[in-house]
Amino acid sequence: MPSLGFPELIIILVIALVIFGPKKLPEIGKAMGSSIKEFKKATKDIVNSEDDAK
């Protein structure tokens, strides 16, 4: 998959603004950030438990 450049990110942001509106975007960003944080934490826990098992 090719990497996204600056123009592509701008287009995605504009589409998100049109679909969700400016009031909803901060809430969506916060939810995505917390989801990524939980995913990283779970991944770290799995790696640590495998290291402890060895």
Protein backbone atom coordinates (compact mmCIF):
# COMPACT_ATOMS: atom_id res chain seq x y z
CA MET A 1 0.00 0.00 0.00
CA PRO A 2 1.52 3.32 -0.98
CA SER A 3 2.02 5.93 1.70
CA LEU A 4 -0.33 8.86 1.95
CA GLY A 5 1.06 12.25 1.09
CA PHE A 6 0.00 15.69 2.22
CA PRO A 7 -2.56 16.25 -0.58
CA GLU A 8 -4.29 12.96 0.18
CA LEU A 9 -4.51 13.79 3.89
CA ILE A 10 -6.06 17.18 3.08
CA ILE A 11 -8.67 15.50 0.87
CA ILE A 12 -9.50 12.99 3.62
CA LEU A 13 -9.84 15.82 6.16
CA VAL A 14 -12.16 17.79 3.88
CA ILE A 15 -14.34 14.73 3.28
CA ALA A 16 -14.49 14.07 7.03
CA LEU A 17 -15.52 17.70 7.64
CA VAL A 18 -18.30 17.43 5.07
CA ILE A 19 -19.59 14.12 6.43
CA PHE A 20 -19.33 14.69 10.19
CA GLY A 21 -19.21 18.47 10.56
CA PRO A 22 -16.75 20.53 12.59
CA LYS A 23 -18.47 19.91 15.94
CA LYS A 24 -18.19 16.12 15.73
CA LEU A 25 -14.55 15.86 14.59
CA PRO A 26 -12.91 16.47 18.01
CA GLU A 27 -15.07 13.74 19.55
CA ILE A 28 -14.15 11.32 16.77
CA GLY A 29 -10.46 12.17 17.13
CA LYS A 30 -10.58 11.62 20.88
CA ALA A 31 -12.32 8.26 20.43
CA MET A 32 -9.76 7.16 17.84
CA GLY A 33 -6.88 8.26 20.07
CA SER A 34 -8.18 6.31 23.04
CA SER A 35 -8.77 3.26 20.83
CA ILE A 36 -5.19 3.36 19.57
CA LYS A 37 -3.93 3.79 23.14
CA GLU A 38 -5.89 0.72 24.30
CA PHE A 39 -4.64 -1.30 21.33
CA LYS A 40 -1.02 -0.41 22.09
CA LYS A 41 -1.52 -1.28 25.76
CA ALA A 42 -3.05 -4.67 24.91
CA THR A 43 -0.26 -5.42 22.44
CA LYS A 44 2.36 -4.48 25.03
CA ASP A 45 0.68 -6.72 27.63
CA ILE A 46 0.65 -9.66 25.21
CA VAL A 47 4.34 -9.21 24.36
CA ASN A 48 5.25 -8.92 28.04
CA SER A 49 3.28 -12.06 28.95
CA GLU A 50 5.03 -14.00 26.19
CA ASP A 51 8.42 -12.77 27.43
CA ASP A 52 7.55 -13.86 30.97
CA ALA A 53 6.51 -17.32 29.72
CA LYS A 54 9.96 -17.87 28.17
